[in-house]
Every structure is written in C-alpha cells, then in structure tokens.
C-alpha atoms as a PDB file:
ATOM      1  CA  GLY A   1       4.845 249.300 -87.315  1.00  0.00           C
ATOM      2  CA  PHE A   2       8.238 250.975 -86.715  1.00  0.00           C
ATOM      3  CA  ALA A   3      12.031 250.094 -86.215  1.00  0.00           C
ATOM      4  CA  ILE A   4      13.918 249.708 -83.055  1.00  0.00           C
ATOM      5  CA  ALA A   5      17.413 250.871 -83.432  1.00  0.00           C
ATOM      6  CA  HIS A   6      18.498 251.844 -80.106  1.00  0.00           C
ATOM      7  CA  GLU A   7      21.109 248.630 -79.056  1.00  0.00           C
ATOM      8  CA  PRO A   8      20.500 248.005 -75.722  1.00  0.00           C
ATOM      9  CA  SER A   9      16.884 247.769 -76.628  1.00  0.00           C
ATOM     10  CA  LEU A  10      17.449 245.779 -80.163  1.00  0.00           C
ATOM     11  CA  ARG A  11      19.709 243.137 -77.790  1.00  0.00           C
ATOM     12  CA  TYR A  12      16.858 242.673 -75.449  1.00  0.00           C
ATOM     13  CA  LEU A  13      14.208 242.372 -77.618  1.00  0.00           C
ATOM     14  CA  LYS A  14      16.471 239.604 -80.031  1.00  0.00           C
ATOM     15  CA  ALA A  15      17.316 238.105 -76.933  1.00  0.00           C
ATOM     16  CA  ARG A  16      13.013 237.006 -76.290  1.00  0.00           C
ATOM     17  CA  LEU A  17      12.391 236.845 -79.948  1.00  0.00           C
ATOM     18  CA  VAL A  18      11.506 232.958 -80.822  1.00  0.00           C
ATOM     19  CA  PHE A  19      10.438 231.487 -84.009  1.00  0.00           C
ATOM     20  CA  GLU A  20       7.743 229.028 -84.475  1.00  0.00           C
ATOM     21  CA  GLU A  21       6.034 227.096 -87.309  1.00  0.00           C
ATOM     22  CA  GLU A  22       3.789 229.988 -86.734  1.00  0.00           C
ATOM     23  CA  GLY A  23       5.751 232.716 -87.267  1.00  0.00           C
ATOM     24  CA  ALA A  24       7.973 234.906 -84.945  1.00  0.00           C
ATOM     25  CA  PHE A  25       6.838 236.307 -81.455  1.00  0.00           C
ATOM     26  CA  LEU A  26       8.594 238.048 -78.869  1.00  0.00           C
ATOM     27  CA  VAL A  27       8.055 236.428 -75.859  1.00  0.00           C
ATOM     28  CA  GLU A  28       8.365 237.683 -71.746  1.00  0.00           C
ATOM     29  CA  GLY A  29       6.853 235.728 -69.033  1.00  0.00           C
ATOM     30  CA  LYS A  30       3.270 234.239 -70.432  1.00  0.00           C
ATOM     31  CA  GLU A  31       2.952 236.940 -72.538  1.00  0.00           C
ATOM     32  CA  ARG A  32       3.675 236.422 -76.872  1.00  0.00           C
ATOM     33  CA  VAL A  33       3.147 238.841 -79.526  1.00  0.00           C
ATOM     34  CA  PRO A  34       3.712 238.270 -82.860  1.00  0.00           C
ATOM     35  CA  VAL A  35       5.862 240.106 -84.621  1.00  0.00           C
ATOM     36  CA  VAL A  36       7.327 240.889 -88.649  1.00  0.00           C
ATOM     37  CA  VAL A  37       9.844 240.018 -89.275  1.00  0.00           C
ATOM     38  CA  GLU A  38      11.627 242.018 -92.579  1.00  0.00           C
ATOM     39  CA  GLY A  39      14.882 240.546 -93.855  1.00  0.00           C
ATOM     40  CA  PRO A  40      17.293 238.763 -91.290  1.00  0.00           C
ATOM     41  CA  ALA A  41      16.175 238.669 -87.828  1.00  0.00           C
ATOM     42  CA  PHE A  42      20.277 238.396 -87.040  1.00  0.00           C
ATOM     43  CA  GLU A  43      23.513 238.952 -87.208  1.00  0.00           C
ATOM     44  CA  VAL A  44      26.277 236.711 -86.652  1.00  0.00           C
ATOM     45  CA  THR A  45      28.819 238.732 -84.624  1.00  0.00           C
ATOM     46  CA  ALA A  46      31.596 235.632 -84.524  1.00  0.00           C
ATOM     47  CA  LEU A  47      32.369 232.796 -86.395  1.00  0.00           C
ATOM     48  CA  ARG A  48      33.666 229.765 -84.137  1.00  0.00           C
ATOM     49  CA  LEU A  49      36.052 227.049 -85.922  1.00  0.00           C
ATOM     50  CA  ASP A  50      36.771 223.568 -84.001  1.00  0.00           C
ATOM     51  CA  GLU A  51      38.951 221.937 -86.622  1.00  0.00           C
ATOM     52  CA  ASP A  52      39.459 219.538 -84.467  1.00  0.00           C
ATOM     53  CA  ALA A  53      36.056 218.627 -83.708  1.00  0.00           C
ATOM     54  CA  GLY A  54      34.667 219.283 -87.455  1.00  0.00           C
ATOM     55  CA  GLU A  55      32.258 222.228 -85.486  1.00  0.00           C
ATOM     56  CA  ALA A  56      31.006 225.521 -86.807  1.00  0.00           C
ATOM     57  CA  ARG A  57      29.391 227.279 -84.666  1.00  0.00           C
ATOM     58  CA  VAL A  58      27.564 230.769 -84.918  1.00  0.00           C
ATOM     59  CA  VAL A  59      27.753 233.345 -81.850  1.00  0.00           C
ATOM     60  CA  LEU A  60      24.702 235.892 -82.933  1.00  0.00           C
ATOM     61  CA  ASP A  61      24.273 239.502 -82.363  1.00  0.00           C
ATOM     62  CA  ASP A  62      21.195 238.252 -79.095  1.00  0.00           C
ATOM     63  CA  GLY A  63      24.608 236.937 -77.101  1.00  0.00           C
ATOM     64  CA  SER A  64      23.294 233.745 -77.991  1.00  0.00           C
ATOM     65  CA  GLU A  65      25.790 231.159 -79.781  1.00  0.00           C
ATOM     66  CA  GLU A  66      24.746 227.898 -81.610  1.00  0.00           C
ATOM     67  CA  PRO A  67      25.905 225.220 -83.706  1.00  0.00           C
ATOM     68  CA  VAL A  68      26.005 225.971 -87.729  1.00  0.00           C
ATOM     69  CA  ALA A  69      23.481 222.506 -89.483  1.00  0.00           C
ATOM     70  CA  ASP A  70      24.435 220.859 -92.867  1.00  0.00           C
ATOM     71  CA  ASP A  71      22.453 223.323 -94.825  1.00  0.00           C
ATOM     72  CA  ALA A  72      22.152 226.110 -93.060  1.00  0.00           C
ATOM     73  CA  LEU A  73      24.566 227.951 -94.882  1.00  0.00           C
ATOM     74  CA  SER A  74      24.120 230.013 -98.135  1.00  0.00           C
ATOM     75  CA  LEU A  75      24.626 233.019-100.513  1.00  0.00           C
ATOM     76  CA  SER A  76      22.110 235.835-100.395  1.00  0.00           C
ATOM     77  CA  ALA A  77      20.983 236.545-103.717  1.00  0.00           C
ATOM     78  CA  ASP A  78      19.603 240.268-103.090  1.00  0.00           C
ATOM     79  CA  THR A  79      22.291 241.559-101.405  1.00  0.00           C
ATOM     80  CA  GLY A  80      25.842 239.164-101.708  1.00  0.00           C
ATOM     81  CA  ARG A  81      25.852 238.771 -98.795  1.00  0.00           C
ATOM     82  CA  PHE A  82      26.537 235.539 -96.739  1.00  0.00           C
ATOM     83  CA  GLU A  83      23.325 234.165 -94.267  1.00  0.00           C
ATOM     84  CA  CYS A  84      22.827 230.979 -91.532  1.00  0.00           C
ATOM     85  CA  LEU A  85      19.585 229.566 -90.709  1.00  0.00           C
ATOM     86  CA  VAL A  86      19.366 230.264 -87.046  1.00  0.00           C
ATOM     87  CA  ARG A  87      16.896 229.163 -84.712  1.00  0.00           C
ATOM     88  CA  ARG A  88      16.275 225.350 -85.491  1.00  0.00           C
ATOM     89  CA  GLY A  89      16.468 226.747 -89.044  1.00  0.00           C
ATOM     90  CA  LEU A  90      13.409 228.975 -88.800  1.00  0.00           C
ATOM     91  CA  ALA A  91      15.136 232.679 -88.817  1.00  0.00           C
ATOM     92  CA  ARG A  92      18.152 233.576 -90.627  1.00  0.00           C
ATOM     93  CA  ALA A  93      21.193 235.707 -89.591  1.00  0.00           C
ATOM     94  CA  VAL A  94      23.259 238.121 -91.805  1.00  0.00           C
ATOM     95  CA  LEU A  95      27.463 238.196 -91.258  1.00  0.00           C
ATOM     96  CA  SER A  96      28.728 240.559 -89.902  1.00  0.00           C
ATOM     97  CA  ARG A  97      32.172 241.613 -92.087  1.00  0.00           C
ATOM     98  CA  GLY A  98      34.918 239.593 -89.626  1.00  0.00           C
ATOM     99  CA  ALA A  99      32.065 236.135 -89.761  1.00  0.00           C
ATOM    100  CA  HIS A 100      32.264 236.488 -93.413  1.00  0.00           C
ATOM    101  CA  GLN A 101      36.398 237.426 -93.766  1.00  0.00           C
ATOM    102  CA  LEU A 102      36.677 233.840 -91.575  1.00  0.00           C
ATOM    103  CA  LEU A 103      34.249 231.810 -93.511  1.00  0.00           C
ATOM    104  CA  LEU A 104      36.012 233.086 -96.751  1.00  0.00           C
ATOM    105  CA  ALA A 105      39.501 231.794 -95.792  1.00  0.00           C
ATOM    106  CA  HIS A 106      37.607 228.448 -94.677  1.00  0.00           C
ATOM    107  CA  VAL A 107      35.830 228.138 -98.595  1.00  0.00           C
ATOM    108  CA  GLU A 108      36.858 225.556-100.912  1.00  0.00           C
ATOM    109  CA  GLU A 109      35.282 224.766-104.079  1.00  0.00           C
ATOM    110  CA  GLU A 110      34.725 220.950-104.639  1.00  0.00           C
ATOM    111  CA  GLU A 111      33.249 220.094-107.910  1.00  0.00           C
ATOM    112  CA  GLY A 112      31.441 223.070-108.760  1.00  0.00           C
ATOM    113  CA  LEU A 113      30.673 223.317-105.484  1.00  0.00           C
ATOM    114  CA  PHE A 114      31.659 225.718-102.642  1.00  0.00           C
ATOM    115  CA  VAL A 115      31.737 224.242 -98.885  1.00  0.00           C
ATOM    116  CA  LEU A 116      33.158 225.578 -95.809  1.00  0.00           C
ATOM    117  CA  ARG A 117      35.622 223.443 -94.586  1.00  0.00           C
ATOM    118  CA  VAL A 118      36.269 222.890 -90.674  1.00  0.00           C
ATOM    119  CA  GLY A 119      38.536 219.651 -90.522  1.00  0.00           C
ATOM    120  CA  ALA A 120      37.237 216.841 -91.777  1.00  0.00           C
ATOM    121  CA  ARG A 121      33.294 218.596 -92.028  1.00  0.00           C
ATOM    122  CA  ARG A 122      32.411 220.433 -95.043  1.00  0.00           C
ATOM    123  CA  ILE A 123      29.682 221.995 -94.653  1.00  0.00           C
ATOM    124  CA  PRO A 124      27.936 223.226 -97.832  1.00  0.00           C
ATOM    125  CA  ILE A 125      27.061 226.793 -99.051  1.00  0.00           C
ATOM    126  CA  ARG A 126      23.978 227.074-101.363  1.00  0.00           C
ATOM    127  CA  THR A 127      23.091 229.948-103.727  1.00  0.00           C
END
C-alpha cells in the first residue's frame, strides 16, 4: 500500500514483475506475491529503430529490451503521452522524453491515421 521511490529498489522490483492473465506478481524464486499496478508499470528509456530490418525495440527502465508489436503503440487520452504495450501486451510502458522525441521524428500520417515508420514497416499508433 505504498509507493516505492528508491530507484535501485524500484529497478530490482520491476525486473521481477511478471504479468499474467490473472494479474501482476512479484516473483523471486518460488515465491509469488500479487501486486496492484496503477498506471504504466514501466518507462521506455530508449527506442531503437532498425530501418534495414524494419524493427522497433524498446529498452525498459528495468534494463530489459523487447520488440514493439504491431498493435503496441498508443497515445494516452488521459496524459497525452505515448505508451507501448510490453510483456506480451499485458503491461504498459510510458515513453521517456528521449524515446518520445525519436518516435515523433519517425511518425507519418497515412489516410488520417498516424504510424511509426521504420524502414518499410508501418506500426499504427492507436488514439
């Protein structure tokens, strides 16, 4: 029932945060503790775009990296910030300022919709 502000502790806990259909859990070995996550659980600290491969990847604030799925990007109506679905689409991550700026530099409008252009690939941005 309390927020964790200590950055090393937060990174340690986020690295052990597991999302399943039943909810979010902190997992350490065989121990599993259910947790309530309010808002995006992660922050995208870096967005990596490989134009040749048509691949977008996000680096999260727990140190992990994962590919961006075709349905992962959105613009939050509540905050006006870009978000990305992560952990098999079960968790949300808000983009940092740097990742946000890189995304904006590669956004295009196609037929009234916005997409992230990565080489030949177009990733829709939901609103």
